Amino acid sequence: MIAGHATALSTAYQVLVEAAAPFLKTLAKDAPLRELVKERDAAAKTCFASLDEWAGRIAKDWKKPVEPKASAQRKRLEQLDPLAQACRDLVKDVDLVCKLAGRVVDTAEKKENAREHEVWDSRAIGRMEKDLDARRKELVEQLKRTTYFERQAQWLLSRFPDAKFGPVAGFCRGVTRKEIEAADWSLSPGRYVGVAPAEVDEDFDFEQALKDIHIELADLNEEAVTLASKVQENFEGLGI
């Protein structure tokens, strides 16, 4: 799934790049936008190379099912850890590439008067931007699923270290008919499993989490300003 979505993203990105290229070639060699284009291209090269690498490793290493043994499952989880970390990094890389691609278009239109040039089709490029963002969301969703399953695998093995069903406080426990009868035939799980002890995530990086939230909020604010500007331009074009 990741490989297919990565290909779709790469295709959508390339279509947008090729659509903007004729105008970008008309810019002066010292135009500031050229530096932004170089940054976009460098980010894209790194991102798509990493996507190809990890998609290939997934296709090669993750075809066979895991044996129902605790040792085999722990070994596979060890292999899943670096993949999950790579997927978290790839989400940031993918977002950066699409953000830079959009920034190139926005800068070209606002600071280089691209809309006035005959080789620039604003409507077509706008559709390409939307398509690229749609492909981005699809790929990011797949990448996040990998990290989700890695967390669930960690959770399961931490509670069932022998890869066999057993009682877990606050979660599950096998009971007999006599126990159910003694509980007045109540089927409420809480009557049998008890209360789980409070968990503390020692690996949680609060400072990094705040940084990520701050970056995401800044990006959303930037997108909101850009969208408001485009809406205002459309109103002015309609004479409103």
C-alpha atoms as a PDB file:
ATOM      1  CA  MET A   1       0.000   0.000   0.000  1.00  0.00           C
ATOM      2  CA  ILE A   2       2.777   2.449   0.913  1.00  0.00           C
ATOM      3  CA  ALA A   3       4.582   1.842  -2.377  1.00  0.00           C
ATOM      4  CA  GLY A   4       1.439   2.592  -4.392  1.00  0.00           C
ATOM      5  CA  HIS A   5       0.678   5.793  -2.490  1.00  0.00           C
ATOM      6  CA  ALA A   6       4.332   6.866  -2.711  1.00  0.00           C
ATOM      7  CA  THR A   7       4.217   6.439  -6.490  1.00  0.00           C
ATOM      8  CA  ALA A   8       0.990   8.445  -6.680  1.00  0.00           C
ATOM      9  CA  LEU A   9       2.558  11.249  -4.621  1.00  0.00           C
ATOM     10  CA  SER A  10       5.695  11.265  -6.754  1.00  0.00           C
ATOM     11  CA  THR A  11       3.619  11.449  -9.927  1.00  0.00           C
ATOM     12  CA  ALA A  12       1.451  14.308  -8.615  1.00  0.00           C
ATOM     13  CA  TYR A  13       4.553  16.171  -7.470  1.00  0.00           C
ATOM     14  CA  GLN A  14       6.274  15.769 -10.827  1.00  0.00           C
ATOM     15  CA  VAL A  15       3.191  16.982 -12.695  1.00  0.00           C
ATOM     16  CA  LEU A  16       3.134  20.154 -10.597  1.00  0.00           C
ATOM     17  CA  VAL A  17       6.879  20.690 -11.010  1.00  0.00           C
ATOM     18  CA  GLU A  18       6.667  20.321 -14.785  1.00  0.00           C
ATOM     19  CA  ALA A  19       3.715  22.704 -14.992  1.00  0.00           C
ATOM     20  CA  ALA A  20       5.642  25.422 -13.146  1.00  0.00           C
ATOM     21  CA  ALA A  21       8.970  24.805 -14.895  1.00  0.00           C
ATOM     22  CA  PRO A  22       8.399  26.899 -18.085  1.00  0.00           C
ATOM     23  CA  PHE A  23       7.760  30.018 -16.023  1.00  0.00           C
ATOM     24  CA  LEU A  24      10.584  29.341 -13.572  1.00  0.00           C
ATOM     25  CA  LYS A  25      13.022  29.160 -16.491  1.00  0.00           C
ATOM     26  CA  THR A  26      12.192  32.766 -17.352  1.00  0.00           C
ATOM     27  CA  LEU A  27      13.389  34.050 -13.968  1.00  0.00           C
ATOM     28  CA  ALA A  28      16.668  35.885 -13.621  1.00  0.00           C
ATOM     29  CA  LYS A  29      19.577  33.776 -12.384  1.00  0.00           C
ATOM     30  CA  ASP A  30      19.738  35.755  -9.151  1.00  0.00           C
ATOM     31  CA  ALA A  31      15.979  35.635  -8.484  1.00  0.00           C
ATOM     32  CA  PRO A  32      15.296  34.659  -4.813  1.00  0.00           C
ATOM     33  CA  LEU A  33      12.703  32.137  -5.972  1.00  0.00           C
ATOM     34  CA  ARG A  34      15.438  30.038  -7.552  1.00  0.00           C
ATOM     35  CA  GLU A  35      16.865  29.300  -4.097  1.00  0.00           C
ATOM     36  CA  LEU A  36      13.451  28.142  -2.923  1.00  0.00           C
ATOM     37  CA  VAL A  37      13.198  25.877  -5.967  1.00  0.00           C
ATOM     38  CA  LYS A  38      16.597  24.345  -5.101  1.00  0.00           C
ATOM     39  CA  GLU A  39      15.403  23.744  -1.542  1.00  0.00           C
ATOM     40  CA  ARG A  40      12.225  22.100  -2.863  1.00  0.00           C
ATOM     41  CA  ASP A  41      14.156  19.859  -5.253  1.00  0.00           C
ATOM     42  CA  ALA A  42      16.680  18.800  -2.599  1.00  0.00           C
ATOM     43  CA  ALA A  43      13.919  17.919  -0.131  1.00  0.00           C
ATOM     44  CA  ALA A  44      12.060  15.968  -2.819  1.00  0.00           C
ATOM     45  CA  LYS A  45      15.165  14.008  -3.810  1.00  0.00           C
ATOM     46  CA  THR A  46      15.813  12.953  -0.221  1.00  0.00           C
ATOM     47  CA  CYS A  47      12.170  12.184   0.500  1.00  0.00           C
ATOM     48  CA  PHE A  48      11.454  10.061  -2.560  1.00  0.00           C
ATOM     49  CA  ALA A  49      14.731   8.154  -2.200  1.00  0.00           C
ATOM     50  CA  SER A  50      13.788   7.261   1.383  1.00  0.00           C
ATOM     51  CA  LEU A  51      10.278   6.280   0.317  1.00  0.00           C
ATOM     52  CA  ASP A  52      11.673   3.967  -2.363  1.00  0.00           C
ATOM     53  CA  GLU A  53      14.117   2.417   0.104  1.00  0.00           C
ATOM     54  CA  TRP A  54      11.551   1.670   2.797  1.00  0.00           C
ATOM     55  CA  ALA A  55       8.852   0.548   0.381  1.00  0.00           C
ATOM     56  CA  GLY A  56      11.353  -1.921  -1.045  1.00  0.00           C
ATOM     57  CA  ARG A  57      12.312  -3.212   2.391  1.00  0.00           C
ATOM     58  CA  ILE A  58       8.676  -3.688   3.362  1.00  0.00           C
ATOM     59  CA  ALA A  59       7.958  -5.638   0.180  1.00  0.00           C
ATOM     60  CA  LYS A  60      11.018  -7.829   0.752  1.00  0.00           C
ATOM     61  CA  ASP A  61      11.066  -8.379   4.501  1.00  0.00           C
ATOM     62  CA  TRP A  62       7.403  -8.413   5.513  1.00  0.00           C
ATOM     63  CA  LYS A  63       5.781 -10.998   3.282  1.00  0.00           C
ATOM     64  CA  LYS A  64       5.985 -14.021   5.573  1.00  0.00           C
ATOM     65  CA  PRO A  65       3.613 -14.325   8.553  1.00  0.00           C
ATOM     66  CA  VAL A  66       5.109 -14.427  12.043  1.00  0.00           C
ATOM     67  CA  GLU A  67       5.152 -17.709  13.960  1.00  0.00           C
ATOM     68  CA  PRO A  68       2.859 -17.763  17.014  1.00  0.00           C
ATOM     69  CA  LYS A  69       5.842 -17.939  19.373  1.00  0.00           C
ATOM     70  CA  ALA A  70       6.818 -15.222  21.806  1.00  0.00           C
ATOM     71  CA  SER A  71      10.457 -15.281  20.667  1.00  0.00           C
ATOM     72  CA  ALA A  72       9.484 -14.936  17.000  1.00  0.00           C
ATOM     73  CA  GLN A  73       7.088 -12.104  17.738  1.00  0.00           C
ATOM     74  CA  ARG A  74       9.647 -10.219  19.823  1.00  0.00           C
ATOM     75  CA  LYS A  75      12.185 -10.599  17.028  1.00  0.00           C
ATOM     76  CA  ARG A  76       9.728  -9.247  14.489  1.00  0.00           C
ATOM     77  CA  LEU A  77       8.877  -6.346  16.805  1.00  0.00           C
ATOM     78  CA  GLU A  78      12.571  -5.464  16.984  1.00  0.00           C
ATOM     79  CA  GLN A  79      12.532  -5.312  13.194  1.00  0.00           C
ATOM     80  CA  LEU A  80       9.392  -3.197  13.223  1.00  0.00           C
ATOM     81  CA  ASP A  81      10.830  -0.535  15.541  1.00  0.00           C
ATOM     82  CA  PRO A  82      13.223   1.046  12.986  1.00  0.00           C
ATOM     83  CA  LEU A  83      10.510   0.864  10.326  1.00  0.00           C
ATOM     84  CA  ALA A  84       8.081   2.733  12.564  1.00  0.00           C
ATOM     85  CA  GLN A  85      10.715   5.397  13.292  1.00  0.00           C
ATOM     86  CA  ALA A  86      11.436   5.711   9.577  1.00  0.00           C
ATOM     87  CA  CYS A  87       7.729   6.185   8.896  1.00  0.00           C
ATOM     88  CA  ARG A  88       7.540   8.952  11.494  1.00  0.00           C
ATOM     89  CA  ASP A  89      10.472  10.672   9.787  1.00  0.00           C
ATOM     90  CA  LEU A  90       8.926  10.145   6.361  1.00  0.00           C
ATOM     91  CA  VAL A  91       5.717  11.866   7.418  1.00  0.00           C
ATOM     92  CA  LYS A  92       7.757  14.995   8.175  1.00  0.00           C
ATOM     93  CA  ASP A  93       9.688  14.658   4.897  1.00  0.00           C
ATOM     94  CA  VAL A  94       6.527  14.256   2.830  1.00  0.00           C
ATOM     95  CA  ASP A  95       4.879  17.233   4.512  1.00  0.00           C
ATOM     96  CA  LEU A  96       7.986  19.346   3.892  1.00  0.00           C
ATOM     97  CA  VAL A  97       8.146  18.481   0.180  1.00  0.00           C
ATOM     98  CA  CYS A  98       4.491  19.350  -0.393  1.00  0.00           C
ATOM     99  CA  LYS A  99       4.803  22.527   1.671  1.00  0.00           C
ATOM    100  CA  LEU A 100       7.816  23.685  -0.359  1.00  0.00           C
ATOM    101  CA  ALA A 101       6.076  22.827  -3.636  1.00  0.00           C
ATOM    102  CA  GLY A 102       3.131  24.973  -2.598  1.00  0.00           C
ATOM    103  CA  ARG A 103       5.414  27.756  -1.422  1.00  0.00           C
ATOM    104  CA  VAL A 104       7.130  27.875  -4.822  1.00  0.00           C
ATOM    105  CA  VAL A 105       3.754  28.310  -6.528  1.00  0.00           C
ATOM    106  CA  ASP A 106       2.597  30.912  -4.025  1.00  0.00           C
ATOM    107  CA  THR A 107       5.822  32.912  -4.301  1.00  0.00           C
ATOM    108  CA  ALA A 108       5.755  32.757  -8.086  1.00  0.00           C
ATOM    109  CA  GLU A 109       2.245  34.171  -8.182  1.00  0.00           C
ATOM    110  CA  LYS A 110       2.601  36.809  -5.479  1.00  0.00           C
ATOM    111  CA  LYS A 111       6.161  38.044  -5.934  1.00  0.00           C
ATOM    112  CA  GLU A 112       7.029  37.191  -9.534  1.00  0.00           C
ATOM    113  CA  ASN A 113       3.649  37.963 -11.172  1.00  0.00           C
ATOM    114  CA  ALA A 114       3.409  34.459 -12.628  1.00  0.00           C
ATOM    115  CA  ARG A 115      -0.307  34.877 -13.282  1.00  0.00           C
ATOM    116  CA  GLU A 116       0.465  37.534 -15.857  1.00  0.00           C
ATOM    117  CA  HIS A 117       2.750  35.226 -17.835  1.00  0.00           C
ATOM    118  CA  GLU A 118       1.396  33.283 -20.802  1.00  0.00           C
ATOM    119  CA  VAL A 119       3.005  29.976 -19.769  1.00  0.00           C
ATOM    120  CA  TRP A 120       1.391  30.021 -16.318  1.00  0.00           C
ATOM    121  CA  ASP A 121      -2.054  28.440 -15.976  1.00  0.00           C
ATOM    122  CA  SER A 122      -3.263  29.363 -12.482  1.00  0.00           C
ATOM    123  CA  ARG A 123      -6.372  27.198 -12.538  1.00  0.00           C
ATOM    124  CA  ALA A 124      -4.565  24.119 -13.766  1.00  0.00           C
ATOM    125  CA  ILE A 125      -1.753  24.585 -11.271  1.00  0.00           C
ATOM    126  CA  GLY A 126      -4.311  25.102  -8.497  1.00  0.00           C
ATOM    127  CA  ARG A 127      -5.895  21.743  -9.357  1.00  0.00           C
ATOM    128  CA  MET A 128      -2.462  20.118  -9.343  1.00  0.00           C
ATOM    129  CA  GLU A 129      -1.766  21.534  -5.881  1.00  0.00           C
ATOM    130  CA  LYS A 130      -5.030  20.072  -4.581  1.00  0.00           C
ATOM    131  CA  ASP A 131      -4.237  16.706  -6.148  1.00  0.00           C
ATOM    132  CA  LEU A 132      -0.764  16.729  -4.602  1.00  0.00           C
ATOM    133  CA  ASP A 133      -2.226  17.487  -1.176  1.00  0.00           C
ATOM    134  CA  ALA A 134      -4.764  14.679  -1.564  1.00  0.00           C
ATOM    135  CA  ARG A 135      -1.974  12.228  -2.431  1.00  0.00           C
ATOM    136  CA  ARG A 136       0.009  13.531   0.543  1.00  0.00           C
ATOM    137  CA  LYS A 137      -2.847  12.858   2.945  1.00  0.00           C
ATOM    138  CA  GLU A 138      -3.312   9.318   1.605  1.00  0.00           C
ATOM    139  CA  LEU A 139       0.372   8.471   1.978  1.00  0.00           C
ATOM    140  CA  VAL A 140       0.671  10.046   5.424  1.00  0.00           C
ATOM    141  CA  GLU A 141      -2.324   8.014   6.574  1.00  0.00           C
ATOM    142  CA  GLN A 142      -0.587   4.806   5.467  1.00  0.00           C
ATOM    143  CA  LEU A 143       2.682   5.802   7.138  1.00  0.00           C
ATOM    144  CA  LYS A 144       0.877   6.578  10.385  1.00  0.00           C
ATOM    145  CA  ARG A 145      -0.786   3.169  10.300  1.00  0.00           C
ATOM    146  CA  THR A 146       2.635   1.566  10.498  1.00  0.00           C
ATOM    147  CA  THR A 147       3.480   3.480  13.661  1.00  0.00           C
ATOM    148  CA  TYR A 148       0.020   2.652  15.042  1.00  0.00           C
ATOM    149  CA  PHE A 149       0.528  -1.094  14.580  1.00  0.00           C
ATOM    150  CA  GLU A 150       4.008  -0.852  16.078  1.00  0.00           C
ATOM    151  CA  ARG A 151       2.536   0.721  19.231  1.00  0.00           C
ATOM    152  CA  GLN A 152      -0.176  -1.936  19.394  1.00  0.00           C
ATOM    153  CA  ALA A 153       2.390  -4.713  19.000  1.00  0.00           C
ATOM    154  CA  GLN A 154       4.453  -3.187  21.808  1.00  0.00           C
ATOM    155  CA  TRP A 155       1.338  -2.991  23.975  1.00  0.00           C
ATOM    156  CA  LEU A 156       0.279  -6.590  23.331  1.00  0.00           C
ATOM    157  CA  LEU A 157       3.697  -8.105  24.000  1.00  0.00           C
ATOM    158  CA  SER A 158       4.098  -6.052  27.159  1.00  0.00           C
ATOM    159  CA  ARG A 159       0.872  -7.578  28.513  1.00  0.00           C
ATOM    160  CA  PHE A 160       1.179 -11.046  26.992  1.00  0.00           C
ATOM    161  CA  PRO A 161       4.971 -11.653  27.071  1.00  0.00           C
ATOM    162  CA  ASP A 162       4.505 -15.389  26.453  1.00  0.00           C
ATOM    163  CA  ALA A 163       2.262 -14.734  23.422  1.00  0.00           C
ATOM    164  CA  LYS A 164      -0.553 -16.545  25.251  1.00  0.00           C
ATOM    165  CA  PHE A 165      -3.793 -15.341  26.775  1.00  0.00           C
ATOM    166  CA  GLY A 166      -3.608 -14.569  30.465  1.00  0.00           C
ATOM    167  CA  PRO A 167      -5.154 -12.266  33.075  1.00  0.00           C
ATOM    168  CA  VAL A 168      -4.267  -8.593  32.749  1.00  0.00           C
ATOM    169  CA  ALA A 169      -5.481  -6.219  35.455  1.00  0.00           C
ATOM    170  CA  GLY A 170      -8.056  -3.793  34.101  1.00  0.00           C
ATOM    171  CA  PHE A 171      -8.124  -5.509  30.717  1.00  0.00           C
ATOM    172  CA  CYS A 172      -9.008  -9.216  30.634  1.00  0.00           C
ATOM    173  CA  ARG A 173      -9.343 -12.415  32.673  1.00  0.00           C
ATOM    174  CA  GLY A 174     -10.845 -15.798  32.069  1.00  0.00           C
ATOM    175  CA  VAL A 175     -13.632 -16.677  34.521  1.00  0.00           C
ATOM    176  CA  THR A 176     -15.710 -19.746  35.298  1.00  0.00           C
ATOM    177  CA  ARG A 177     -19.474 -20.130  35.459  1.00  0.00           C
ATOM    178  CA  LYS A 178     -19.224 -20.330  39.254  1.00  0.00           C
ATOM    179  CA  GLU A 179     -17.524 -16.936  39.402  1.00  0.00           C
ATOM    180  CA  ILE A 180     -20.204 -15.430  37.176  1.00  0.00           C
ATOM    181  CA  GLU A 181     -22.916 -16.987  39.308  1.00  0.00           C
ATOM    182  CA  ALA A 182     -21.251 -15.611  42.442  1.00  0.00           C
ATOM    183  CA  ALA A 183     -21.375 -12.165  40.828  1.00  0.00           C
ATOM    184  CA  ASP A 184     -25.135 -12.517  40.383  1.00  0.00           C
ATOM    185  CA  TRP A 185     -24.627 -13.432  36.689  1.00  0.00           C
ATOM    186  CA  SER A 186     -23.286 -10.003  35.878  1.00  0.00           C
ATOM    187  CA  LEU A 187     -21.405  -9.819  32.594  1.00  0.00           C
ATOM    188  CA  SER A 188     -19.883  -6.434  33.296  1.00  0.00           C
ATOM    189  CA  PRO A 189     -16.124  -6.824  32.658  1.00  0.00           C
ATOM    190  CA  GLY A 190     -15.268  -4.508  35.535  1.00  0.00           C
ATOM    191  CA  ARG A 191     -16.598  -7.083  38.018  1.00  0.00           C
ATOM    192  CA  TYR A 192     -13.824  -9.496  37.061  1.00  0.00           C
ATOM    193  CA  VAL A 193     -10.793  -7.733  35.595  1.00  0.00           C
ATOM    194  CA  GLY A 194     -10.221  -5.186  38.347  1.00  0.00           C
ATOM    195  CA  VAL A 195      -8.476  -1.850  37.839  1.00  0.00           C
ATOM    196  CA  ALA A 196      -5.241  -1.402  35.922  1.00  0.00           C
ATOM    197  CA  PRO A 197      -2.411   0.457  37.668  1.00  0.00           C
ATOM    198  CA  ALA A 198      -1.655   3.922  36.342  1.00  0.00           C
ATOM    199  CA  GLU A 199       0.909   3.900  33.563  1.00  0.00           C
ATOM    200  CA  VAL A 200       3.759   6.356  33.172  1.00  0.00           C
ATOM    201  CA  ASP A 201       5.372   6.698  29.779  1.00  0.00           C
ATOM    202  CA  GLU A 202       9.013   7.281  30.694  1.00  0.00           C
ATOM    203  CA  ASP A 203       9.978   7.697  27.037  1.00  0.00           C
ATOM    204  CA  PHE A 204       7.489  10.504  26.380  1.00  0.00           C
ATOM    205  CA  ASP A 205       9.360  13.621  25.278  1.00  0.00           C
ATOM    206  CA  PHE A 206       7.152  16.476  26.454  1.00  0.00           C
ATOM    207  CA  GLU A 207       9.447  19.179  25.092  1.00  0.00           C
ATOM    208  CA  GLN A 208       9.539  17.607  21.631  1.00  0.00           C
ATOM    209  CA  ALA A 209       5.771  17.150  21.668  1.00  0.00           C
ATOM    210  CA  LEU A 210       5.336  20.863  22.371  1.00  0.00           C
ATOM    211  CA  LYS A 211       7.742  21.713  19.536  1.00  0.00           C
ATOM    212  CA  ASP A 212       5.784  19.501  17.124  1.00  0.00           C
ATOM    213  CA  ILE A 213       2.507  21.152  18.168  1.00  0.00           C
ATOM    214  CA  HIS A 214       4.050  24.601  17.761  1.00  0.00           C
ATOM    215  CA  ILE A 215       5.339  23.760  14.265  1.00  0.00           C
ATOM    216  CA  GLU A 216       1.982  22.310  13.241  1.00  0.00           C
ATOM    217  CA  LEU A 217       0.142  25.368  14.586  1.00  0.00           C
ATOM    218  CA  ALA A 218       2.510  27.711  12.736  1.00  0.00           C
ATOM    219  CA  ASP A 219       1.915  25.779   9.515  1.00  0.00           C
ATOM    220  CA  LEU A 220      -1.844  25.948   9.982  1.00  0.00           C
ATOM    221  CA  ASN A 221      -1.680  29.699  10.608  1.00  0.00           C
ATOM    222  CA  GLU A 222       0.402  30.148   7.466  1.00  0.00           C
ATOM    223  CA  GLU A 223      -2.055  28.097   5.424  1.00  0.00           C
ATOM    224  CA  ALA A 224      -4.968  30.108   6.851  1.00  0.00           C
ATOM    225  CA  VAL A 225      -3.333  33.389   5.816  1.00  0.00           C
ATOM    226  CA  THR A 226      -2.648  32.039   2.325  1.00  0.00           C
ATOM    227  CA  LEU A 227      -6.204  30.763   1.961  1.00  0.00           C
ATOM    228  CA  ALA A 228      -7.684  34.071   3.171  1.00  0.00           C
ATOM    229  CA  SER A 229      -5.539  35.921   0.646  1.00  0.00           C
ATOM    230  CA  LYS A 230      -6.703  33.683  -2.194  1.00  0.00           C
ATOM    231  CA  VAL A 231     -10.345  34.098  -1.175  1.00  0.00           C
ATOM    232  CA  GLN A 232      -9.916  37.869  -1.130  1.00  0.00           C
ATOM    233  CA  GLU A 233      -8.292  37.802  -4.572  1.00  0.00           C
ATOM    234  CA  ASN A 234     -11.201  35.741  -5.923  1.00  0.00           C
ATOM    235  CA  PHE A 235     -13.697  38.205  -4.477  1.00  0.00           C
ATOM    236  CA  GLU A 236     -11.828  41.089  -6.074  1.00  0.00           C
ATOM    237  CA  GLY A 237     -11.814  39.222  -9.376  1.00  0.00           C
ATOM    238  CA  LEU A 238     -15.591  38.941  -9.150  1.00  0.00           C
ATOM    239  CA  GLY A 239     -15.870  42.626  -8.349  1.00  0.00           C
ATOM    240  CA  ILE A 240     -17.223  41.994  -4.842  1.00  0.00           C
END
